[in-house]
N, C-alpha and C. Protein backbone atom coordinates (compact mmCIF):
# COMPACT_ATOMS: atom_id res chain seq x y z
N MET A 1 125.73 110.00 122.32
CA MET A 1 125.00 108.79 122.10
C MET A 1 124.28 109.08 120.68
N ALA A 2 124.18 107.95 119.90
CA ALA A 2 123.58 108.07 118.65
C ALA A 2 121.93 108.23 118.62
N GLU A 3 121.56 109.01 117.66
CA GLU A 3 119.99 109.27 117.74
C GLU A 3 119.50 108.48 116.43
N LYS A 4 118.45 107.67 116.55
CA LYS A 4 117.98 107.03 115.41
C LYS A 4 116.74 107.60 114.91
N GLN A 5 116.63 107.50 113.46
CA GLN A 5 115.42 108.00 112.76
C GLN A 5 115.17 107.28 111.56
N ALA A 6 114.33 107.48 110.69
CA ALA A 6 114.05 106.67 109.46
C ALA A 6 114.25 107.57 108.24
N ILE A 7 115.00 107.02 107.15
CA ILE A 7 115.14 107.65 105.99
C ILE A 7 114.77 106.66 104.98
N HIS A 8 113.94 106.79 103.97
CA HIS A 8 113.43 105.94 102.96
C HIS A 8 113.01 104.51 103.68
N GLY A 9 112.45 104.54 104.81
CA GLY A 9 112.05 103.23 105.29
C GLY A 9 113.03 102.51 106.12
N HIS A 10 114.34 102.98 106.06
CA HIS A 10 115.38 102.22 106.62
C HIS A 10 115.85 103.05 107.90
N GLU A 11 116.52 102.38 108.80
CA GLU A 11 116.84 102.89 110.17
C GLU A 11 118.09 103.85 109.76
N ALA A 12 117.91 105.13 110.47
CA ALA A 12 119.18 106.02 110.13
C ALA A 12 119.64 106.39 111.64
N VAL A 13 120.99 106.38 111.68
CA VAL A 13 121.73 106.68 112.88
C VAL A 13 122.49 107.89 112.78
N GLU A 14 122.28 108.83 113.88
CA GLU A 14 123.37 109.87 113.92
C GLU A 14 124.47 109.55 114.56
N THR A 15 125.84 109.87 114.09
CA THR A 15 127.03 109.47 114.87
C THR A 15 127.77 110.62 114.66
N GLU A 16 128.76 110.54 115.92
CA GLU A 16 129.89 111.54 115.97
C GLU A 16 131.22 110.83 115.49
N THR A 17 131.03 109.59 115.17
CA THR A 17 132.35 108.84 114.95
C THR A 17 132.37 108.62 113.32
N ASP A 18 133.55 108.78 112.74
CA ASP A 18 133.97 108.70 111.35
C ASP A 18 135.18 107.90 111.23
N PRO A 19 135.21 106.74 110.84
CA PRO A 19 134.13 105.99 110.27
C PRO A 19 133.26 105.48 111.26
N ALA A 20 131.92 105.18 110.71
CA ALA A 20 130.82 104.64 111.59
C ALA A 20 130.94 103.14 111.44
N ALA A 21 130.73 102.37 112.54
CA ALA A 21 130.82 100.83 112.40
C ALA A 21 129.29 100.33 112.57
N CYS A 22 129.04 99.40 111.74
CA CYS A 22 127.75 98.85 111.71
C CYS A 22 127.80 97.14 111.68
N ASP A 23 127.07 96.61 112.66
CA ASP A 23 127.21 95.10 112.65
C ASP A 23 125.56 94.48 112.50
N GLY A 24 124.82 95.46 112.01
CA GLY A 24 123.49 94.99 111.87
C GLY A 24 122.47 94.91 113.12
N GLY A 25 123.11 94.89 114.26
CA GLY A 25 122.52 94.99 115.59
C GLY A 25 121.72 93.73 115.76
N GLY A 26 121.15 93.51 116.93
CA GLY A 26 120.49 92.29 117.23
C GLY A 26 121.44 91.03 117.28
N ARG A 27 120.56 89.88 117.50
CA ARG A 27 121.26 88.57 117.42
C ARG A 27 121.66 88.18 116.08
N LEU A 28 120.89 88.48 115.14
CA LEU A 28 121.16 87.89 113.71
C LEU A 28 121.84 89.07 112.93
N GLY A 29 122.73 89.71 113.43
CA GLY A 29 123.28 90.88 112.66
C GLY A 29 124.03 90.48 111.31
N HIS A 30 125.26 91.06 111.14
CA HIS A 30 126.05 90.79 109.94
C HIS A 30 127.49 91.18 110.33
N PRO A 31 128.41 90.86 109.55
CA PRO A 31 129.80 91.17 109.84
C PRO A 31 129.93 92.63 109.99
N ARG A 32 130.76 92.97 111.04
CA ARG A 32 130.98 94.38 111.32
C ARG A 32 131.71 94.92 110.08
N VAL A 33 131.12 96.10 109.64
CA VAL A 33 131.82 96.98 108.63
C VAL A 33 131.99 98.23 109.14
N PHE A 34 133.02 99.09 108.40
CA PHE A 34 133.32 100.27 108.85
C PHE A 34 133.04 101.20 107.69
N LEU A 35 132.21 102.38 107.80
CA LEU A 35 131.78 103.09 106.76
C LEU A 35 132.27 104.49 106.78
N ALA A 36 133.10 104.91 105.88
CA ALA A 36 133.49 106.37 105.92
C ALA A 36 132.37 107.25 105.66
N LEU A 37 132.13 108.20 106.37
CA LEU A 37 131.13 109.26 106.13
C LEU A 37 131.45 110.28 105.09
N GLY A 38 132.81 110.50 104.86
CA GLY A 38 133.26 111.23 103.68
C GLY A 38 132.82 112.79 104.03
N ASP A 39 133.05 113.71 102.88
CA ASP A 39 132.67 115.07 102.79
C ASP A 39 131.14 115.30 102.93
N ALA A 40 130.29 114.26 102.45
CA ALA A 40 128.94 114.42 102.53
C ALA A 40 128.25 114.18 103.94
N GLY A 41 129.20 113.59 104.76
CA GLY A 41 128.56 113.24 106.16
C GLY A 41 127.82 112.25 106.24
N GLU A 42 127.61 111.20 105.22
CA GLU A 42 126.80 110.19 105.48
C GLU A 42 127.13 108.89 104.64
N ALA A 43 126.62 107.70 105.14
CA ALA A 43 126.97 106.42 104.52
C ALA A 43 125.89 105.54 104.67
N VAL A 44 125.75 104.53 103.69
CA VAL A 44 124.79 103.53 103.92
C VAL A 44 125.43 102.19 104.05
N CYS A 45 125.05 101.35 104.87
CA CYS A 45 125.66 99.95 105.15
C CYS A 45 125.24 99.11 103.88
N PRO A 46 126.10 98.43 103.44
CA PRO A 46 125.84 97.66 102.18
C PRO A 46 124.99 96.30 102.58
N TYR A 47 124.99 95.98 103.71
CA TYR A 47 124.48 94.72 104.29
C TYR A 47 122.91 95.04 104.54
N CYS A 48 122.61 95.94 105.54
CA CYS A 48 121.28 96.19 106.08
C CYS A 48 120.71 97.44 105.69
N SER A 49 121.33 98.23 104.89
CA SER A 49 120.83 99.66 104.43
C SER A 49 120.69 100.63 105.57
N ARG A 50 121.26 100.40 106.72
CA ARG A 50 121.16 101.32 107.82
C ARG A 50 121.83 102.52 107.29
N HIS A 51 121.39 103.79 107.59
CA HIS A 51 121.84 105.01 107.05
C HIS A 51 122.52 105.70 108.08
N PHE A 52 123.84 106.15 108.04
CA PHE A 52 124.65 106.69 109.07
C PHE A 52 124.88 108.13 108.50
N ILE A 53 124.47 109.16 109.54
CA ILE A 53 124.74 110.60 109.29
C ILE A 53 125.42 111.25 110.35
N ARG A 54 126.60 112.06 109.91
CA ARG A 54 127.30 112.73 110.90
C ARG A 54 126.50 113.70 111.69
N THR A 55 126.57 113.68 113.03
CA THR A 55 125.85 114.43 114.02
C THR A 55 126.17 116.05 113.44
N PRO A 56 125.16 116.83 113.30
CA PRO A 56 125.44 118.35 113.01
C PRO A 56 126.44 118.98 114.09
N GLY A 57 127.44 119.62 113.59
CA GLY A 57 128.38 120.23 114.53
C GLY A 57 129.51 119.46 115.04
N SER A 58 129.59 118.15 114.75
CA SER A 58 130.40 117.25 115.34
C SER A 58 131.80 117.18 114.56
N GLY A 59 131.84 117.74 113.41
CA GLY A 59 133.15 117.73 112.60
C GLY A 59 133.51 116.47 112.30
N ARG A 60 134.71 116.26 111.61
CA ARG A 60 135.24 114.92 111.22
C ARG A 60 136.06 114.46 112.41
N LYS A 61 135.55 113.18 112.83
CA LYS A 61 136.33 112.74 113.93
C LYS A 61 136.76 111.30 113.70
N GLY A 62 137.62 110.57 114.51
CA GLY A 62 137.98 109.22 114.28
C GLY A 62 139.44 109.14 113.54
N HIS A 63 139.50 107.98 112.95
CA HIS A 63 141.03 107.69 112.47
C HIS A 63 141.19 108.14 111.07
């Protein structure tokens, strides 16, 4: 399960999935986008600035 925290005032989500999917959450979200975490293990959603971080020890998973 993803853990949420805050980075620079924006929601941050730890994820084991790469690419991470973001739809903004809630009723008034945004179009679903898929964000590659890459070698750095993190990505920022261009719509809502939600920050996705690869869960430590999870490795690179997904497609």
